[in-house]
Amino acid sequence: MTDYAPFPLIDLSGGPRERGRIHGQAAADRLKRGAKMYAESLLKSGVDWKELERRAEAMVPLIEKFDPAYVEEMRGIAEGANEPFAAVVLMNARTEMVVAARKQQAAKHFSDGCTAALALPEASADGVLLHGQNWDWRSECAETGVVLRIRRDDGPDILTFTEAGGLARSGLNSAGVGLTANALECERDYQRGPGVPLPFIRRKVLEAAHLANAVQTIVSTPKPGSNHMAVSHCGGEAFGFECAPDETFWIAPDRGLYVHANHWIADSARAKVKDTGLAETPDSIYRDKRVRDQLSPKRGKLTLEDFRQAFFDDWGTPHSVCRPPRLNSRGVSTATTAMILMRPAEGHLEACPMPALNRQFTTYTLTPDRTAQKQAAE
């Protein structure tokens, strides 16, 4: 086993610009490394820095229409890190920024993995909702990830794991909402005009005080490419959403348990879209099954430790639930870069970088808003 540095915790407060400056200053080195990594990838696709800057500014009106505060926060991040604004947009829209150059190939070029699971209160040992995932992506991101604790005056506080410079990826909020996200692909991706980059949608979900608001964001927001999001509320409800750019298919937990990897599983979705991602992530079909098979017999007794052990599964390695670093078909080193485990009701999040090589978890906490949680559940 190898020790990896824990993901740094960054406390953010104030207005969007101020939050951004704090984020950028605290994560400057990790942001610079992440932006350099993606800029080099884009250069291989024929997008130089000048073109990247042009595309970043071209995306501003779309993001501002969705939420102008997000543009302000990104500008603050750039100022705090002393990095170009385009570098921060890149960290939040890495796939979308190469669409003009590669169209459908953009999704494949940036395809990530992930295996997610959640247990409703009736399936857990102590009646508390559990939610977690393995994030499979570029190996370098084990050293560019951060955890943001965002204090807000206009809604629930947020605890989110993301890449440095990113506004959100997976996490929870003080109202008891939890979120994880997995990549999906279909033939409709990047073919139907502009959509809101996924990190902004995830941030909006984590800003929701009610599960209904989170669902509305997912269902109503146009997306450039496909994605799966699992959204939970500590009061005892959760759903998975398989999102094509122009259509969303929802899935309910099975007897209190929900598992999802990187292939379409909703019957309605499989009848309507062509899964173009399995060629890139064929192990998805058994990653989903292996986690489900390990958790299912423990319904009613499930703990985060059970989730941890299921996510550590190494059958079929390196094409496993928990992946060690390996070169993918494009010569890029990929791995399970982070394992995330959550108890949203308690504001409890555990994260471990590169779990195939490292078993050191760090616990991050957020003070729950019991009043908001109760009101949202009523």
Protein backbone atom coordinates (compact mmCIF):
# COMPACT_ATOMS: atom_id res chain seq x y z
CA MET A 1 0.00 0.00 0.00
CA THR A 2 1.07 3.57 -0.72
CA ASP A 3 0.06 6.64 1.26
CA TYR A 4 -1.61 9.46 -0.66
CA ALA A 5 -2.16 12.89 0.83
CA PRO A 6 -5.77 13.42 1.95
CA PHE A 7 -7.92 15.65 -0.20
CA PRO A 8 -7.58 19.11 1.35
CA LEU A 9 -10.67 20.63 2.97
CA ILE A 10 -11.38 24.20 1.88
CA ASP A 11 -13.92 26.31 3.78
CA LEU A 12 -15.76 28.83 1.60
CA SER A 13 -18.07 31.65 2.69
CA GLY A 14 -19.22 35.06 1.55
CA GLY A 15 -20.53 36.02 -1.87
CA PRO A 16 -19.72 34.08 -5.05
CA ARG A 17 -16.64 36.13 -5.96
CA GLU A 18 -15.26 35.93 -2.43
CA ARG A 19 -15.90 32.18 -2.21
CA GLY A 20 -14.10 31.77 -5.49
CA ARG A 21 -11.05 33.73 -4.39
CA ILE A 22 -10.73 31.63 -1.22
CA HIS A 23 -11.05 28.45 -3.29
CA GLY A 24 -8.53 29.56 -5.88
CA GLN A 25 -5.94 30.70 -3.36
CA ALA A 26 -6.18 27.51 -1.29
CA ALA A 27 -6.15 25.15 -4.28
CA ALA A 28 -3.84 27.03 -6.66
CA ASP A 29 -1.27 24.26 -7.10
CA ARG A 30 -3.89 21.54 -7.62
CA LEU A 31 -5.85 23.73 -10.01
CA LYS A 32 -2.77 24.54 -12.05
CA ARG A 33 -1.88 20.86 -12.34
CA GLY A 34 -5.41 19.86 -13.35
CA ALA A 35 -5.78 22.62 -15.94
CA LYS A 36 -2.39 21.78 -17.46
CA MET A 37 -3.39 18.12 -17.75
CA TYR A 38 -6.65 18.88 -19.58
CA ALA A 39 -5.14 21.63 -21.74
CA GLU A 40 -2.54 19.16 -22.96
CA SER A 41 -5.31 16.70 -23.83
CA LEU A 42 -7.16 19.38 -25.76
CA LEU A 43 -4.01 20.34 -27.62
CA LYS A 44 -3.83 16.76 -28.92
CA SER A 45 -7.34 17.32 -30.28
CA GLY A 46 -6.22 20.44 -32.11
CA VAL A 47 -7.36 23.01 -29.54
CA ASP A 48 -4.54 25.38 -28.59
CA TRP A 49 -4.67 27.81 -25.65
CA LYS A 50 -5.93 30.75 -27.72
CA GLU A 51 -8.81 28.65 -29.01
CA LEU A 52 -9.48 27.34 -25.50
CA GLU A 53 -9.82 30.92 -24.24
CA ARG A 54 -12.20 31.75 -27.07
CA ARG A 55 -14.40 28.78 -26.22
CA ALA A 56 -14.36 29.60 -22.53
CA GLU A 57 -15.68 33.11 -23.16
CA ALA A 58 -18.24 31.76 -25.63
CA MET A 59 -19.67 29.58 -22.86
CA VAL A 60 -20.18 32.46 -20.44
CA PRO A 61 -23.65 33.53 -21.71
CA LEU A 62 -24.94 29.96 -21.41
CA ILE A 63 -23.64 29.59 -17.85
CA GLU A 64 -24.86 33.06 -16.88
CA LYS A 65 -28.35 32.20 -18.10
CA PHE A 66 -28.34 29.10 -15.89
CA ASP A 67 -26.91 30.95 -12.87
CA PRO A 68 -24.81 34.14 -13.11
CA ALA A 69 -23.34 33.47 -9.65
CA TYR A 70 -21.41 30.53 -11.11
CA VAL A 71 -19.55 32.81 -13.52
CA GLU A 72 -18.72 35.16 -10.66
CA GLU A 73 -17.45 32.27 -8.55
CA MET A 74 -15.26 30.99 -11.38
CA ARG A 75 -13.80 34.45 -11.96
CA GLY A 76 -13.02 34.58 -8.25
CA ILE A 77 -11.31 31.19 -8.43
CA ALA A 78 -9.15 32.42 -11.31
CA GLU A 79 -8.21 35.56 -9.35
CA GLY A 80 -7.39 33.64 -6.18
CA ALA A 81 -5.25 31.09 -8.01
CA ASN A 82 -3.67 33.68 -10.32
CA GLU A 83 -4.70 31.51 -13.27
CA PRO A 84 -6.52 32.45 -16.48
CA PHE A 85 -10.33 32.39 -16.35
CA ALA A 86 -10.26 29.85 -19.19
CA ALA A 87 -8.41 27.40 -16.95
CA VAL A 88 -11.27 27.47 -14.43
CA VAL A 89 -13.93 27.09 -17.12
CA LEU A 90 -11.93 24.13 -18.38
CA MET A 91 -12.08 22.49 -14.94
CA ASN A 92 -15.87 22.82 -15.02
CA ALA A 93 -16.56 22.01 -18.67
CA ARG A 94 -13.67 19.89 -19.87
CA THR A 95 -15.79 17.69 -22.16
CA GLU A 96 -18.01 20.43 -23.56
CA MET A 97 -15.07 22.62 -24.58
CA VAL A 98 -13.77 20.13 -27.15
CA VAL A 99 -17.11 19.36 -28.78
CA ALA A 100 -16.54 21.65 -31.75
CA ALA A 101 -13.31 19.82 -32.53
CA ARG A 102 -14.36 16.21 -31.93
CA LYS A 103 -18.17 16.13 -31.72
CA GLN A 104 -19.16 12.60 -30.65
CA GLN A 105 -15.52 11.68 -30.02
CA ALA A 106 -15.40 14.22 -27.20
CA ALA A 107 -17.45 12.01 -24.91
CA LYS A 108 -15.28 9.00 -25.64
CA HIS A 109 -12.09 10.93 -25.16
CA PHE A 110 -13.13 12.01 -21.68
CA SER A 111 -15.14 8.95 -20.65
CA ASP A 112 -14.87 8.24 -16.93
CA GLY A 113 -16.17 5.31 -14.95
CA CYS A 114 -17.72 5.12 -11.47
CA THR A 115 -19.75 2.65 -9.46
CA ALA A 116 -22.36 4.15 -7.11
CA ALA A 117 -24.71 2.72 -4.48
CA LEU A 118 -27.20 3.89 -1.90
CA ALA A 119 -29.31 2.29 0.80
CA LEU A 120 -32.57 3.75 2.05
CA PRO A 121 -33.13 3.83 5.83
CA GLU A 122 -35.04 0.54 5.81
CA ALA A 123 -32.03 -1.22 4.27
CA SER A 124 -29.41 0.17 6.67
CA ALA A 125 -28.46 -1.18 10.09
CA ASP A 126 -29.42 1.93 12.03
CA GLY A 127 -32.16 3.49 9.90
CA VAL A 128 -29.86 6.13 8.38
CA LEU A 129 -29.61 6.58 4.61
CA LEU A 130 -26.22 5.60 3.11
CA HIS A 131 -24.80 6.86 -0.19
CA GLY A 132 -21.42 6.44 -1.88
CA GLN A 133 -19.37 5.75 -4.98
CA ASN A 134 -16.03 4.96 -6.55
CA TRP A 135 -14.91 7.66 -8.98
CA ASP A 136 -12.90 6.20 -11.87
CA TRP A 137 -10.98 8.76 -13.86
CA ARG A 138 -7.44 9.92 -14.64
CA SER A 139 -4.89 8.75 -12.09
CA GLU A 140 -3.48 12.25 -11.64
CA CYS A 141 -6.78 13.40 -10.14
CA ALA A 142 -5.97 11.59 -6.91
CA GLU A 143 -3.66 14.58 -6.42
CA THR A 144 -5.92 17.32 -7.81
CA GLY A 145 -9.12 16.58 -5.86
CA VAL A 146 -10.40 18.78 -3.03
CA VAL A 147 -13.35 18.85 -0.63
CA LEU A 148 -15.27 22.13 -0.43
CA ARG A 149 -17.35 23.10 2.61
CA ILE A 150 -19.52 25.95 1.36
CA ARG A 151 -21.33 28.19 3.85
CA ARG A 152 -24.32 29.83 2.17
CA ASP A 153 -26.72 32.58 3.23
CA ASP A 154 -29.30 31.77 0.55
CA GLY A 155 -29.78 28.03 0.98
CA PRO A 156 -28.33 24.85 2.47
CA ASP A 157 -24.62 24.60 3.18
CA ILE A 158 -22.74 22.16 0.94
CA LEU A 159 -19.98 19.58 1.39
CA THR A 160 -18.71 18.43 -2.00
CA PHE A 161 -15.80 16.46 -3.42
CA THR A 162 -14.58 17.88 -6.73
CA GLU A 163 -11.48 18.64 -8.74
CA ALA A 164 -9.67 21.82 -7.74
CA GLY A 165 -11.35 24.69 -9.53
CA GLY A 166 -14.60 22.77 -9.93
CA LEU A 167 -17.86 23.98 -8.40
CA ALA A 168 -19.12 20.51 -7.42
CA ARG A 169 -19.08 16.82 -8.23
CA SER A 170 -20.50 14.52 -5.55
CA GLY A 171 -21.48 15.32 -2.00
CA LEU A 172 -24.26 16.34 0.37
CA ASN A 173 -25.91 19.40 1.83
CA SER A 174 -27.15 20.45 5.26
CA ALA A 175 -30.78 19.79 4.23
CA GLY A 176 -29.95 16.08 3.84
CA VAL A 177 -29.65 15.85 0.04
CA GLY A 178 -26.91 13.54 -1.30
CA LEU A 179 -25.57 13.25 -4.85
CA THR A 180 -23.28 10.98 -6.85
CA ALA A 181 -22.74 10.96 -10.62
CA ASN A 182 -21.60 8.42 -13.22
CA ALA A 183 -20.79 8.71 -16.91
CA LEU A 184 -23.13 7.34 -19.58
CA GLU A 185 -22.99 7.54 -23.36
CA CYS A 186 -25.51 7.32 -26.17
CA GLU A 187 -25.79 8.20 -29.84
CA ARG A 188 -27.50 11.52 -29.06
CA ASP A 189 -24.51 12.99 -27.21
CA TYR A 190 -23.18 16.35 -28.46
CA GLN A 191 -25.48 16.33 -31.46
CA ARG A 192 -28.38 18.55 -30.40
CA GLY A 193 -27.01 22.00 -29.69
CA PRO A 194 -25.75 23.59 -26.48
CA GLY A 195 -26.56 22.35 -23.01
CA VAL A 196 -25.47 23.19 -19.48
CA PRO A 197 -22.17 21.51 -18.51
CA LEU A 198 -22.77 18.80 -15.92
CA PRO A 199 -20.73 20.26 -13.00
CA PHE A 200 -23.08 23.27 -12.88
CA ILE A 201 -26.12 20.98 -12.81
CA ARG A 202 -24.56 19.00 -9.96
CA ARG A 203 -23.87 22.18 -8.02
CA LYS A 204 -27.47 23.28 -8.50
CA VAL A 205 -28.69 19.89 -7.21
CA LEU A 206 -26.56 20.30 -4.09
CA GLU A 207 -28.05 23.75 -3.53
CA ALA A 208 -31.55 22.27 -3.34
CA ALA A 209 -33.40 22.43 -0.02
CA HIS A 210 -35.93 19.81 -1.20
CA LEU A 211 -35.60 16.59 -3.18
CA ALA A 212 -38.26 17.93 -5.57
CA ASN A 213 -36.06 20.93 -6.43
CA ALA A 214 -33.11 18.64 -7.13
CA VAL A 215 -35.24 16.43 -9.38
CA GLN A 216 -36.59 19.46 -11.24
CA THR A 217 -33.05 20.65 -11.96
CA ILE A 218 -32.02 17.28 -13.35
CA VAL A 219 -35.12 16.74 -15.46
CA SER A 220 -35.58 20.25 -16.85
CA THR A 221 -32.00 21.27 -17.68
CA PRO A 222 -30.76 20.50 -21.22
CA LYS A 223 -27.46 18.64 -21.24
CA PRO A 224 -24.88 18.33 -24.02
CA GLY A 225 -24.07 14.69 -23.19
CA SER A 226 -25.42 11.77 -21.22
CA ASN A 227 -24.93 11.20 -17.50
CA HIS A 228 -26.37 9.32 -14.55
CA MET A 229 -27.09 11.02 -11.23
CA ALA A 230 -28.26 9.33 -8.03
CA VAL A 231 -29.99 11.76 -5.69
CA SER A 232 -31.04 10.92 -2.15
CA HIS A 233 -32.76 12.62 0.75
CA CYS A 234 -32.05 11.53 4.30
CA GLY A 235 -35.78 11.47 5.03
CA GLY A 236 -35.99 8.19 3.16
CA GLU A 237 -36.33 8.74 -0.60
CA ALA A 238 -33.85 8.38 -3.44
CA PHE A 239 -33.86 7.92 -7.19
CA GLY A 240 -31.44 7.40 -10.05
CA PHE A 241 -31.70 9.49 -13.20
CA GLU A 242 -30.29 8.28 -16.51
CA CYS A 243 -30.02 11.44 -18.57
CA ALA A 244 -29.73 11.65 -22.34
CA PRO A 245 -29.20 15.19 -23.66
CA ASP A 246 -32.93 15.64 -24.32
CA GLU A 247 -34.64 13.03 -22.13
CA THR A 248 -34.42 11.69 -18.59
CA PHE A 249 -35.31 8.19 -17.35
CA TRP A 250 -35.79 7.62 -13.62
CA ILE A 251 -35.19 4.48 -11.58
CA ALA A 252 -36.36 3.70 -8.04
CA PRO A 253 -34.33 1.64 -5.54
CA ASP A 254 -35.10 -2.09 -5.35
CA ARG A 255 -36.29 -2.92 -1.84
CA GLY A 256 -34.27 -0.07 -0.42
CA LEU A 257 -31.07 -0.68 -2.41
CA TYR A 258 -29.77 1.08 -5.53
CA VAL A 259 -26.60 0.39 -7.55
CA HIS A 260 -25.44 1.92 -10.83
CA ALA A 261 -22.25 1.76 -12.90
CA ASN A 262 -21.77 3.06 -16.46
CA HIS A 263 -24.39 1.42 -18.65
CA TRP A 264 -28.07 2.20 -19.17
CA ILE A 265 -30.30 -0.03 -17.05
CA ALA A 266 -33.79 1.53 -17.15
CA ASP A 267 -36.01 -0.54 -19.45
CA SER A 268 -37.44 2.63 -20.97
CA ALA A 269 -33.95 3.98 -21.68
CA ARG A 270 -32.67 0.76 -23.23
CA ALA A 271 -35.67 0.74 -25.55
CA LYS A 272 -34.96 4.24 -26.81
CA VAL A 273 -31.20 4.96 -26.76
CA LYS A 274 -28.16 3.14 -28.09
CA ASP A 275 -25.54 2.52 -25.40
CA THR A 276 -22.30 3.66 -27.03
CA GLY A 277 -20.24 3.52 -23.82
CA LEU A 278 -19.90 -0.22 -23.20
CA ALA A 279 -17.17 -0.52 -25.82
CA GLU A 280 -15.09 1.84 -23.65
CA THR A 281 -16.13 0.48 -20.24
CA PRO A 282 -17.24 -3.15 -20.79
CA ASP A 283 -16.52 -3.99 -17.15
CA SER A 284 -19.50 -1.83 -16.16
CA ILE A 285 -21.90 -4.75 -16.56
CA TYR A 286 -20.22 -6.79 -13.83
CA ARG A 287 -19.10 -3.91 -11.61
CA ASP A 288 -22.76 -3.09 -11.10
CA LYS A 289 -23.59 -6.77 -10.46
CA ARG A 290 -20.75 -7.43 -8.04
CA VAL A 291 -21.56 -4.46 -5.81
CA ARG A 292 -25.26 -5.36 -5.89
CA ASP A 293 -24.52 -9.02 -5.06
CA GLN A 294 -22.38 -8.05 -2.07
CA LEU A 295 -24.86 -5.54 -0.64
CA SER A 296 -28.18 -7.29 -1.34
CA PRO A 297 -27.87 -10.12 1.25
CA LYS A 298 -27.28 -7.50 3.96
CA ARG A 299 -30.47 -5.50 3.42
CA GLY A 300 -31.64 -4.21 6.77
CA LYS A 301 -28.12 -4.48 8.21
CA LEU A 302 -26.08 -2.36 5.81
CA THR A 303 -23.35 0.00 7.09
CA LEU A 304 -20.79 2.24 5.43
CA GLU A 305 -18.27 -0.51 6.16
CA ASP A 306 -20.29 -2.83 3.90
CA PHE A 307 -20.21 -0.17 1.19
CA ARG A 308 -16.47 0.24 1.70
CA GLN A 309 -15.81 -3.48 1.27
CA ALA A 310 -18.06 -3.72 -1.79
CA PHE A 311 -16.28 -0.77 -3.41
CA PHE A 312 -12.90 -2.38 -2.64
CA ASP A 313 -13.86 -5.41 -4.77
CA ASP A 314 -10.96 -6.27 -7.08
CA TRP A 315 -12.40 -9.14 -9.10
CA GLY A 316 -11.17 -8.90 -12.69
CA THR A 317 -8.48 -6.38 -11.82
CA PRO A 318 -7.45 -4.03 -13.33
CA HIS A 319 -10.94 -3.94 -14.88
CA SER A 320 -12.55 -4.07 -11.46
CA VAL A 321 -14.83 -2.14 -9.13
CA CYS A 322 -11.72 -0.79 -7.43
CA ARG A 323 -9.22 -0.12 -10.20
CA PRO A 324 -5.46 0.23 -9.82
CA PRO A 325 -3.73 2.59 -12.25
CA ARG A 326 -3.59 1.27 -15.81
CA LEU A 327 -3.30 2.66 -19.33
CA ASN A 328 -6.61 2.90 -21.18
CA SER A 329 -7.08 2.42 -24.92
CA ARG A 330 -5.78 5.95 -25.53
CA GLY A 331 -2.63 5.55 -23.49
CA VAL A 332 -3.92 7.59 -20.52
CA SER A 333 -3.43 6.30 -16.97
CA THR A 334 -6.80 5.76 -15.31
CA ALA A 335 -7.80 4.36 -11.92
CA THR A 336 -10.34 4.56 -9.14
CA THR A 337 -9.09 7.96 -8.07
CA ALA A 338 -11.42 8.38 -5.08
CA MET A 339 -13.88 6.46 -2.92
CA ILE A 340 -16.62 8.59 -1.37
CA LEU A 341 -18.88 7.36 1.47
CA MET A 342 -21.69 9.47 2.96
CA ARG A 343 -24.34 9.61 5.66
CA PRO A 344 -26.18 12.75 4.43
CA ALA A 345 -28.42 13.09 7.50
CA GLU A 346 -25.34 13.60 9.67
CA GLY A 347 -23.29 15.71 7.25
CA HIS A 348 -20.73 12.88 7.21
CA LEU A 349 -18.47 12.30 4.19
CA GLU A 350 -15.42 10.03 4.01
CA ALA A 351 -12.97 10.14 1.12
CA CYS A 352 -9.98 8.01 0.17
CA PRO A 353 -7.65 8.87 -2.73
CA MET A 354 -6.52 5.99 -4.97
CA PRO A 355 -8.18 3.23 -2.86
CA ALA A 356 -6.62 0.36 -4.82
CA LEU A 357 -3.22 1.46 -3.47
CA ASN A 358 -4.21 3.35 -0.32
CA ARG A 359 -6.67 2.58 2.49
CA GLN A 360 -6.44 5.88 4.39
CA PHE A 361 -9.82 7.60 4.69
CA THR A 362 -10.35 11.16 5.87
CA THR A 363 -13.66 12.22 7.41
CA TYR A 364 -15.17 15.59 6.49
CA THR A 365 -18.20 17.01 8.28
CA LEU A 366 -20.96 19.53 7.76
CA THR A 367 -23.35 20.66 10.49
CA PRO A 368 -26.79 19.32 9.52
CA ASP A 369 -29.80 21.61 9.53
CA ARG A 370 -32.29 19.41 11.38
CA THR A 371 -35.14 21.86 10.88
CA ALA A 372 -34.61 21.97 7.11
CA GLN A 373 -34.26 18.18 6.96
CA LYS A 374 -37.52 17.70 8.85
CA GLN A 375 -39.41 20.26 6.78
CA ALA A 376 -38.15 18.74 3.54
CA ALA A 377 -39.30 15.29 4.66
CA GLU A 378 -42.79 16.37 5.70
